[in-house]
């Protein structure tokens, strides 16, 4: 996702959550009783359908849509600009008038599935998906045992650094990296939640259980959770850690910092800032007091969702499958740098040679990332997590308060949405 999109996504989630809960009363029954994609609406491939695409992806996707229409002459596709980050807000306004197919992030699947906004994927297509796509991508589109949507890309934070200042060995360990250079990152402002909530996972705790769907499965209010807060507080005194958010790129270019944590969306900007000195790596190891352990990030999955209320389900599902297939993922990587979920596309020489893509692929395994939770209640998680990290880093929360703050956090974020 591009810079600041996660902030927009989280805000959109909060705004739209109440309207989705209203829809859920009647919508979820419709979703759970729907026909699978292999049988819905008969078998004839025809219809006029609309697809919402992020503006920067339209050029690449239009070329693929033309190929799809040529192969399916009875299907006409209208391509419209639509923000993937706003998918659940825009679809929930009036599902009957929304796009038949739309880009969306996987962490909106829980709310949209509960509200009956998403068409479930049929068994045959699920089997194909499991064969062709990496497991973390399949996990990302699975909710309560059902699959909703077709994955076409993965993204996670990676470490960008200036290789004239830091070596590849230096950046494998947080303490080494911040003793030899300066890391620009955000502990103190909004958005720290997305970057540093996975620290608790790095230390062996869980957020909403092992699959991100257990409302009572957050257990960070333990000794390991306290260790994480102690570690965060220490970073305020770490001279190799520079608090920065929006100014990270300019600080990297000026030499004020030598590295920063961001995602594939920052690749081109970092290249402009560092030129030939740009290097990319997976996250380093960190030490919370029990020895080095792998620092983890959240994994995001880019998805094509199908509207539950589409009048042309067979055509819509066929389009979603086409726009997420190996060929289209190859085009998306070439044109927009989207890291593929398709195993064959991932193995392409151009993907393997790309330093950012290679680091994202390394980050996409279970040792480096956890698929971001997608249950509806995740909307109550983000604001207090920001406060917890921000205030711990700034010293507003004292060590004697860590346990009580964690207890309150777990209690407040384990309440069922209503």
Protein backbone atom coordinates (compact mmCIF):
# COMPACT_ATOMS: atom_id res chain seq x y z
CA UNK A 1 0.00 0.00 0.00
CA UNK A 2 1.11 3.53 -0.65
CA UNK A 3 2.24 5.90 2.03
CA UNK A 4 -0.55 6.85 4.50
CA UNK A 5 -3.00 4.34 2.98
CA UNK A 6 -2.94 2.24 6.14
CA UNK A 7 -3.98 5.29 8.16
CA UNK A 8 -6.84 5.88 5.71
CA UNK A 9 -7.78 2.21 5.78
CA UNK A 10 -7.98 2.09 9.58
CA UNK A 11 -10.02 5.31 9.71
CA UNK A 12 -12.39 3.98 7.04
CA UNK A 13 -12.81 0.80 9.06
CA UNK A 14 -13.94 2.77 12.09
CA UNK A 15 -16.34 4.95 10.11
CA UNK A 16 -18.08 2.13 8.32
CA UNK A 17 -18.20 -0.49 11.06
CA UNK A 18 -21.63 0.51 12.36
CA UNK A 19 -23.26 0.44 8.93
CA UNK A 20 -21.81 -3.01 8.31
CA UNK A 21 -23.22 -4.34 11.57
CA UNK A 22 -26.65 -3.10 10.46
CA UNK A 23 -26.32 -4.97 7.19
CA UNK A 24 -25.09 -8.11 8.90
CA UNK A 25 -28.48 -9.09 10.29
CA UNK A 26 -29.84 -10.05 6.89
CA UNK A 27 -26.67 -10.19 4.85
CA UNK A 28 -24.78 -12.95 6.60
CA UNK A 29 -27.55 -15.48 6.02
CA UNK A 30 -27.51 -14.69 2.32
CA UNK A 31 -23.77 -15.19 2.17
CA UNK A 32 -23.72 -18.47 4.03
CA UNK A 33 -26.45 -20.00 1.90
CA UNK A 34 -25.12 -18.83 -1.45
CA UNK A 35 -24.28 -21.22 -4.23
CA UNK A 36 -20.62 -21.84 -4.84
CA UNK A 37 -18.92 -20.07 -7.71
CA UNK A 38 -18.92 -23.21 -9.78
CA UNK A 39 -22.72 -23.37 -9.93
CA UNK A 40 -24.04 -19.89 -9.24
CA UNK A 41 -26.35 -18.36 -11.79
CA UNK A 42 -26.03 -21.19 -14.29
CA UNK A 43 -23.03 -21.79 -16.51
CA UNK A 44 -23.42 -19.33 -19.39
CA UNK A 45 -20.65 -16.77 -19.46
CA UNK A 46 -22.42 -13.49 -20.18
CA UNK A 47 -23.33 -10.19 -18.59
CA UNK A 48 -22.42 -6.54 -18.15
CA UNK A 49 -20.20 -6.19 -15.11
CA UNK A 50 -18.32 -3.40 -13.39
CA UNK A 51 -14.94 -3.59 -11.67
CA UNK A 52 -13.43 -1.07 -9.26
CA UNK A 53 -9.66 -0.69 -9.59
CA UNK A 54 -7.16 1.51 -7.73
CA UNK A 55 -6.36 4.43 -10.03
CA UNK A 56 -2.68 3.59 -10.41
CA UNK A 57 -3.56 0.04 -11.53
CA UNK A 58 -6.12 0.94 -14.19
CA UNK A 59 -3.73 1.06 -17.16
CA UNK A 60 -2.36 -2.40 -16.44
CA UNK A 61 -5.74 -3.93 -15.66
CA UNK A 62 -7.50 -2.47 -18.70
CA UNK A 63 -5.14 -4.37 -20.99
CA UNK A 64 -5.98 -7.59 -19.17
CA UNK A 65 -9.71 -6.84 -19.26
CA UNK A 66 -9.54 -6.50 -23.04
CA UNK A 67 -8.00 -9.96 -23.27
CA UNK A 68 -10.70 -11.31 -20.97
CA UNK A 69 -13.47 -9.79 -23.09
CA UNK A 70 -11.92 -11.19 -26.26
CA UNK A 71 -11.97 -14.67 -24.73
CA UNK A 72 -15.51 -14.11 -23.42
CA UNK A 73 -17.36 -12.08 -26.10
CA UNK A 74 -20.68 -12.13 -24.24
CA UNK A 75 -19.21 -10.39 -21.22
CA UNK A 76 -18.76 -6.61 -21.20
CA UNK A 77 -16.60 -5.13 -18.45
CA UNK A 78 -16.62 -1.51 -17.33
CA UNK A 79 -13.47 -0.46 -15.48
CA UNK A 80 -13.94 2.30 -12.90
CA UNK A 81 -11.61 3.93 -10.42
CA UNK A 82 -12.22 2.84 -6.84
CA UNK A 83 -10.09 2.84 -3.71
CA UNK A 84 -9.29 -0.65 -2.44
CA UNK A 85 -8.79 0.80 1.05
CA UNK A 86 -12.40 2.03 0.95
CA UNK A 87 -13.91 -1.19 -0.43
CA UNK A 88 -16.11 -2.05 2.53
CA UNK A 89 -17.27 1.54 2.95
CA UNK A 90 -18.12 1.95 -0.72
CA UNK A 91 -19.77 -1.44 -1.22
CA UNK A 92 -21.82 -1.17 1.97
CA UNK A 93 -23.36 2.16 0.89
CA UNK A 94 -25.56 0.35 -1.63
CA UNK A 95 -24.41 -3.17 -2.56
CA UNK A 96 -26.92 -3.35 -5.42
CA UNK A 97 -25.22 -0.40 -7.15
CA UNK A 98 -21.64 -1.23 -6.20
CA UNK A 99 -19.12 -2.88 -8.52
CA UNK A 100 -19.49 -6.58 -9.24
CA UNK A 101 -15.76 -7.09 -8.67
CA UNK A 102 -13.45 -4.87 -6.64
CA UNK A 103 -9.94 -4.64 -5.24
CA UNK A 104 -9.78 -4.88 -1.45
CA UNK A 105 -7.33 -5.63 1.39
CA UNK A 106 -7.83 -9.00 3.08
CA UNK A 107 -8.34 -7.57 6.57
CA UNK A 108 -11.76 -6.22 5.54
CA UNK A 109 -13.00 -9.72 4.74
CA UNK A 110 -14.35 -10.45 8.23
CA UNK A 111 -16.63 -7.42 8.38
CA UNK A 112 -17.77 -7.77 4.78
CA UNK A 113 -18.42 -11.50 5.04
CA UNK A 114 -20.41 -11.05 8.25
CA UNK A 115 -22.46 -8.35 6.52
CA UNK A 116 -23.18 -10.58 3.51
CA UNK A 117 -21.28 -8.37 1.08
CA UNK A 118 -18.92 -10.98 -0.36
CA UNK A 119 -19.59 -13.92 -2.65
CA UNK A 120 -17.93 -17.08 -1.29
CA UNK A 121 -15.49 -18.91 -3.52
CA UNK A 122 -16.53 -22.37 -4.70
CA UNK A 123 -14.75 -25.60 -3.78
CA UNK A 124 -13.12 -26.16 -7.18
CA UNK A 125 -11.73 -22.65 -7.26
CA UNK A 126 -10.50 -23.01 -3.68
CA UNK A 127 -8.68 -26.21 -4.63
CA UNK A 128 -7.04 -24.42 -7.57
CA UNK A 129 -6.09 -21.51 -5.34
CA UNK A 130 -4.46 -23.80 -2.79
CA UNK A 131 -2.47 -25.43 -5.57
CA UNK A 132 -1.33 -22.22 -7.26
CA UNK A 133 -0.95 -19.65 -4.46
CA UNK A 134 1.22 -19.50 -1.36
CA UNK A 135 -0.39 -20.64 1.88
CA UNK A 136 -0.28 -17.24 3.57
CA UNK A 137 -2.33 -15.76 0.72
CA UNK A 138 -4.94 -18.52 1.05
CA UNK A 139 -5.03 -17.93 4.81
CA UNK A 140 -5.59 -14.24 4.15
CA UNK A 141 -8.81 -14.83 2.18
CA UNK A 142 -10.15 -17.53 4.51
CA UNK A 143 -12.64 -16.58 7.21
CA UNK A 144 -14.45 -19.04 9.47
CA UNK A 145 -13.51 -21.89 7.18
CA UNK A 146 -14.78 -20.28 3.97
CA UNK A 147 -12.83 -18.50 1.26
CA UNK A 148 -13.92 -15.01 0.20
CA UNK A 149 -11.99 -13.47 -2.67
CA UNK A 150 -9.08 -14.17 -4.98
CA UNK A 151 -5.56 -13.11 -3.87
CA UNK A 152 -3.31 -11.32 -6.35
CA UNK A 153 -0.54 -9.79 -4.25
CA UNK A 154 1.19 -9.82 -0.88
CA UNK A 155 2.86 -7.01 0.99
CA UNK A 156 4.68 -6.53 4.25
CA UNK A 157 7.09 -4.11 5.79
CA UNK A 158 10.75 -4.60 4.87
CA UNK A 159 13.96 -2.84 5.83
CA UNK A 160 15.34 -0.28 3.39
CA UNK A 161 18.90 0.85 4.07
CA UNK A 162 21.86 2.76 2.71
CA UNK A 163 24.46 0.13 1.86
CA UNK A 164 27.25 2.70 1.90
CA UNK A 165 26.56 3.14 5.63
CA UNK A 166 25.42 -0.31 6.72
CA UNK A 167 26.39 -3.79 5.55
CA UNK A 168 24.06 -6.69 4.85
CA UNK A 169 25.35 -8.31 8.04
CA UNK A 170 24.76 -5.16 10.11
CA UNK A 171 21.05 -5.07 9.33
CA UNK A 172 20.34 -8.65 10.41
CA UNK A 173 20.24 -7.58 14.07
CA UNK A 174 18.43 -4.57 15.59
CA UNK A 175 21.11 -3.79 18.20
CA UNK A 176 23.97 -4.05 15.70
CA UNK A 177 22.14 -1.94 13.13
CA UNK A 178 21.27 0.83 15.58
CA UNK A 179 24.78 0.88 17.06
CA UNK A 180 26.44 1.27 13.66
CA UNK A 181 23.85 3.48 11.97
CA UNK A 182 20.60 5.33 12.51
CA UNK A 183 17.18 3.80 11.90
CA UNK A 184 14.27 6.13 11.24
CA UNK A 185 10.99 4.71 12.43
CA UNK A 186 7.73 5.62 14.15
CA UNK A 187 7.18 4.71 17.78
CA UNK A 188 5.65 8.01 18.82
CA UNK A 189 2.90 8.92 16.36
CA UNK A 190 -0.24 7.48 14.77
CA UNK A 191 0.58 4.44 12.68
CA UNK A 192 2.95 2.86 15.19
CA UNK A 193 0.27 0.20 15.73
CA UNK A 194 0.69 -1.32 12.26
CA UNK A 195 4.48 -1.33 12.48
CA UNK A 196 5.05 -2.47 16.05
CA UNK A 197 2.02 -4.44 17.26
CA UNK A 198 3.71 -7.54 15.74
CA UNK A 199 6.47 -7.18 18.36
CA UNK A 200 4.17 -9.05 20.72
CA UNK A 201 3.93 -11.84 18.15
CA UNK A 202 7.71 -11.81 17.81
CA UNK A 203 7.97 -12.56 21.52
CA UNK A 204 5.62 -15.53 21.34
CA UNK A 205 2.24 -13.98 22.16
CA UNK A 206 -0.92 -14.02 20.05
CA UNK A 207 -3.33 -11.38 18.81
CA UNK A 208 -6.81 -12.83 18.35
CA UNK A 209 -5.48 -16.36 18.52
CA UNK A 210 -3.37 -18.43 16.18
CA UNK A 211 -5.53 -17.65 13.14
CA UNK A 212 -6.53 -14.08 13.97
CA UNK A 213 -10.20 -15.02 14.40
CA UNK A 214 -10.49 -15.79 18.13
CA UNK A 215 -11.99 -12.78 19.90
CA UNK A 216 -10.72 -14.02 23.27
CA UNK A 217 -7.37 -15.14 21.88
CA UNK A 218 -5.23 -12.08 22.65
CA UNK A 219 -2.77 -12.93 25.43
CA UNK A 220 -0.28 -10.07 25.44
CA UNK A 221 -1.06 -9.26 29.10
CA UNK A 222 1.66 -11.57 30.37
CA UNK A 223 5.38 -11.44 31.15
CA UNK A 224 6.25 -11.53 27.45
CA UNK A 225 3.98 -8.56 26.79
CA UNK A 226 5.63 -6.62 29.60
CA UNK A 227 9.03 -7.42 28.06
CA UNK A 228 7.87 -5.90 24.77
CA UNK A 229 6.81 -2.66 26.47
CA UNK A 230 10.14 -2.53 28.31
CA UNK A 231 11.93 -2.91 24.97
CA UNK A 232 9.83 -0.17 23.34
CA UNK A 233 10.58 2.22 26.22
CA UNK A 234 14.33 1.60 25.85
CA UNK A 235 14.26 2.72 22.22
CA UNK A 236 13.63 6.29 23.38
CA UNK A 237 17.17 6.31 24.77
CA UNK A 238 18.65 4.46 21.79
CA UNK A 239 20.71 7.04 19.89
CA UNK A 240 20.50 4.83 16.80
CA UNK A 241 16.70 5.15 16.66
CA UNK A 242 15.32 8.37 15.20
CA UNK A 243 11.61 9.07 15.64
CA UNK A 244 10.32 9.88 12.17
CA UNK A 245 7.23 9.13 10.10
CA UNK A 246 6.34 11.35 7.14
CA UNK A 247 9.87 12.76 6.97
CA UNK A 248 11.56 9.35 6.68
CA UNK A 249 12.35 9.60 2.97
CA UNK A 250 13.78 13.11 3.16
CA UNK A 251 15.81 12.10 6.21
CA UNK A 252 17.12 9.09 4.31
CA UNK A 253 18.15 11.27 1.38
CA UNK A 254 19.82 13.88 3.59
CA UNK A 255 21.73 11.24 5.55
CA UNK A 256 20.02 11.97 8.86
CA UNK A 257 19.02 8.30 8.93
CA UNK A 258 20.55 5.26 7.26
CA UNK A 259 17.58 2.89 7.26
CA UNK A 260 13.83 2.76 7.73
CA UNK A 261 10.97 0.30 7.82
CA UNK A 262 8.38 0.49 5.06
CA UNK A 263 6.73 -1.61 2.39
CA UNK A 264 7.03 -2.25 -1.35
CA UNK A 265 4.98 0.89 -1.97
CA UNK A 266 8.09 2.93 -0.98
CA UNK A 267 10.44 1.18 -3.40
CA UNK A 268 10.56 3.87 -6.11
CA UNK A 269 10.83 6.73 -3.62
CA UNK A 270 13.70 5.04 -1.81
CA UNK A 271 15.43 4.45 -5.13
CA UNK A 272 15.20 8.17 -5.87
CA UNK A 273 16.55 9.00 -2.42
CA UNK A 274 19.47 6.56 -2.33
CA UNK A 275 20.17 5.69 -5.95
CA UNK A 276 22.84 3.00 -6.28
CA UNK A 277 23.21 2.85 -2.48
CA UNK A 278 19.69 1.48 -1.99
CA UNK A 279 19.48 -1.98 -0.42
CA UNK A 280 16.57 -4.00 0.96
CA UNK A 281 16.42 -6.75 3.56
CA UNK A 282 13.92 -8.68 5.66
CA UNK A 283 13.37 -7.55 9.26
CA UNK A 284 16.26 -7.99 11.72
CA UNK A 285 16.28 -10.05 14.89
CA UNK A 286 15.49 -8.38 18.21
CA UNK A 287 16.22 -9.26 21.83
CA UNK A 288 13.50 -8.77 24.44
CA UNK A 289 15.70 -10.27 27.16
CA UNK A 290 15.69 -13.95 26.25
CA UNK A 291 18.11 -13.92 23.32
CA UNK A 292 17.68 -12.96 19.69
CA UNK A 293 14.37 -13.72 18.03
CA UNK A 294 13.00 -12.84 14.60
CA UNK A 295 11.19 -9.51 14.49
CA UNK A 296 7.84 -10.01 12.78
CA UNK A 297 5.54 -7.84 10.69
CA UNK A 298 1.93 -8.07 9.59
CA UNK A 299 1.34 -9.64 6.19
CA UNK A 300 -1.27 -8.04 3.96
CA UNK A 301 -2.97 -9.79 1.06
CA UNK A 302 -4.33 -7.91 -1.95
CA UNK A 303 -7.64 -9.40 -3.03
CA UNK A 304 -10.33 -9.27 -5.69
CA UNK A 305 -13.70 -9.57 -3.99
CA UNK A 306 -16.97 -10.42 -5.72
CA UNK A 307 -20.14 -8.58 -4.71
CA UNK A 308 -22.72 -10.86 -3.09
CA UNK A 309 -25.46 -8.97 -4.94
CA UNK A 310 -23.97 -9.18 -8.42
CA UNK A 311 -26.53 -9.99 -11.09
CA UNK A 312 -23.88 -11.86 -13.08
CA UNK A 313 -22.09 -14.11 -10.58
CA UNK A 314 -20.55 -16.52 -13.09
CA UNK A 315 -19.12 -13.69 -15.21
CA UNK A 316 -17.98 -11.77 -12.13
CA UNK A 317 -16.21 -14.76 -10.62
CA UNK A 318 -14.59 -15.53 -13.96
CA UNK A 319 -13.25 -11.96 -14.12
CA UNK A 320 -11.94 -12.07 -10.55
CA UNK A 321 -10.15 -15.33 -11.33
CA UNK A 322 -8.67 -13.86 -14.51
CA UNK A 323 -7.45 -10.70 -12.81
CA UNK A 324 -5.74 -12.78 -10.13
CA UNK A 325 -4.22 -15.42 -12.40
CA UNK A 326 -0.52 -15.93 -13.10
CA UNK A 327 -0.49 -13.83 -16.28
CA UNK A 328 -2.18 -10.81 -14.69
CA UNK A 329 0.01 -11.06 -11.59
CA UNK A 330 3.02 -10.92 -13.90
CA UNK A 331 1.65 -7.75 -15.52
CA UNK A 332 0.90 -6.21 -12.12
CA UNK A 333 4.45 -6.87 -10.99
CA UNK A 334 5.96 -5.43 -14.16
CA UNK A 335 3.75 -2.32 -14.19
CA UNK A 336 3.07 -1.66 -10.51
CA UNK A 337 5.54 -3.71 -8.49
CA UNK A 338 2.85 -5.86 -6.87
CA UNK A 339 4.54 -8.92 -5.37
CA UNK A 340 2.69 -12.03 -6.66
CA UNK A 341 0.91 -14.67 -4.60
CA UNK A 342 1.04 -17.15 -7.47
CA UNK A 343 3.92 -19.59 -6.96
CA UNK A 344 4.87 -19.72 -10.63
CA UNK A 345 4.80 -15.93 -10.94
CA UNK A 346 6.96 -15.63 -7.84
CA UNK A 347 9.59 -17.83 -9.50
CA UNK A 348 9.90 -15.57 -12.56
CA UNK A 349 13.46 -14.27 -13.05
CA UNK A 350 12.33 -10.65 -12.98
CA UNK A 351 10.69 -11.19 -9.58
CA UNK A 352 13.63 -13.07 -8.11
CA UNK A 353 16.07 -10.40 -9.30
CA UNK A 354 14.09 -7.59 -7.71
CA UNK A 355 15.56 -6.84 -4.28
CA UNK A 356 12.34 -5.48 -2.79
CA UNK A 357 10.18 -8.32 -4.11
CA UNK A 358 12.70 -10.87 -2.89
CA UNK A 359 12.65 -9.36 0.61
CA UNK A 360 8.84 -9.30 0.68
CA UNK A 361 8.80 -12.96 -0.37
CA UNK A 362 11.22 -13.77 2.45
CA UNK A 363 8.96 -11.86 4.83
CA UNK A 364 5.86 -13.72 3.67
CA UNK A 365 6.68 -16.93 5.53
CA UNK A 366 5.41 -17.74 9.02
CA UNK A 367 8.79 -17.06 10.61
CA UNK A 368 8.75 -13.41 9.51
CA UNK A 369 5.09 -12.37 9.35
CA UNK A 370 1.63 -13.08 10.68
CA UNK A 371 -1.39 -12.56 8.43
CA UNK A 372 -3.15 -9.48 9.73
CA UNK A 373 -6.30 -10.43 11.70
CA UNK A 374 -9.55 -9.95 9.80
CA UNK A 375 -12.30 -10.52 12.33
CA UNK A 376 -14.77 -7.59 12.57
CA UNK A 377 -13.58 -6.59 16.03
CA UNK A 378 -10.15 -5.68 14.69
CA UNK A 379 -11.50 -2.12 14.36
CA UNK A 380 -11.37 -1.79 18.16
CA UNK A 381 -7.74 -2.90 18.24
CA UNK A 382 -5.96 -0.13 16.33
CA UNK A 383 -6.60 3.08 18.36
CA UNK A 384 -5.68 1.67 21.79
CA UNK A 385 -2.64 -0.13 20.35
CA UNK A 386 -1.40 3.19 18.97
CA UNK A 387 -1.85 4.78 22.39
CA UNK A 388 -0.13 1.88 24.15
CA UNK A 389 2.96 2.04 21.93
CA UNK A 390 3.10 5.86 21.69
CA UNK A 391 2.72 6.46 25.42
CA UNK A 392 5.15 3.70 26.40
CA UNK A 393 7.80 5.11 24.07
CA UNK A 394 7.27 8.65 25.34
CA UNK A 395 7.43 7.55 28.98
CA UNK A 396 3.83 8.53 29.74
CA UNK A 397 3.21 4.95 30.86
CA UNK A 398 5.55 4.02 33.70
CA UNK A 399 7.03 0.51 34.11
CA UNK A 400 4.87 -0.11 37.18
CA UNK A 401 1.79 0.46 35.00
CA UNK A 402 2.70 -1.91 32.17
CA UNK A 403 0.78 -4.91 33.47
CA UNK A 404 -2.39 -2.94 34.25
CA UNK A 405 -2.29 -1.22 30.85
CA UNK A 406 -1.93 -4.57 29.09
CA UNK A 407 -4.78 -6.06 31.12
CA UNK A 408 -7.04 -3.16 30.16
CA UNK A 409 -6.00 -3.38 26.52
CA UNK A 410 -6.86 -7.08 26.29
CA UNK A 411 -10.18 -6.56 28.07
CA UNK A 412 -11.21 -3.62 25.87
CA UNK A 413 -10.25 -5.28 22.58
CA UNK A 414 -11.90 -8.62 23.37
CA UNK A 415 -15.47 -7.31 23.36
CA UNK A 416 -17.83 -8.52 20.68
CA UNK A 417 -18.87 -5.91 18.13
CA UNK A 418 -22.54 -4.96 18.32
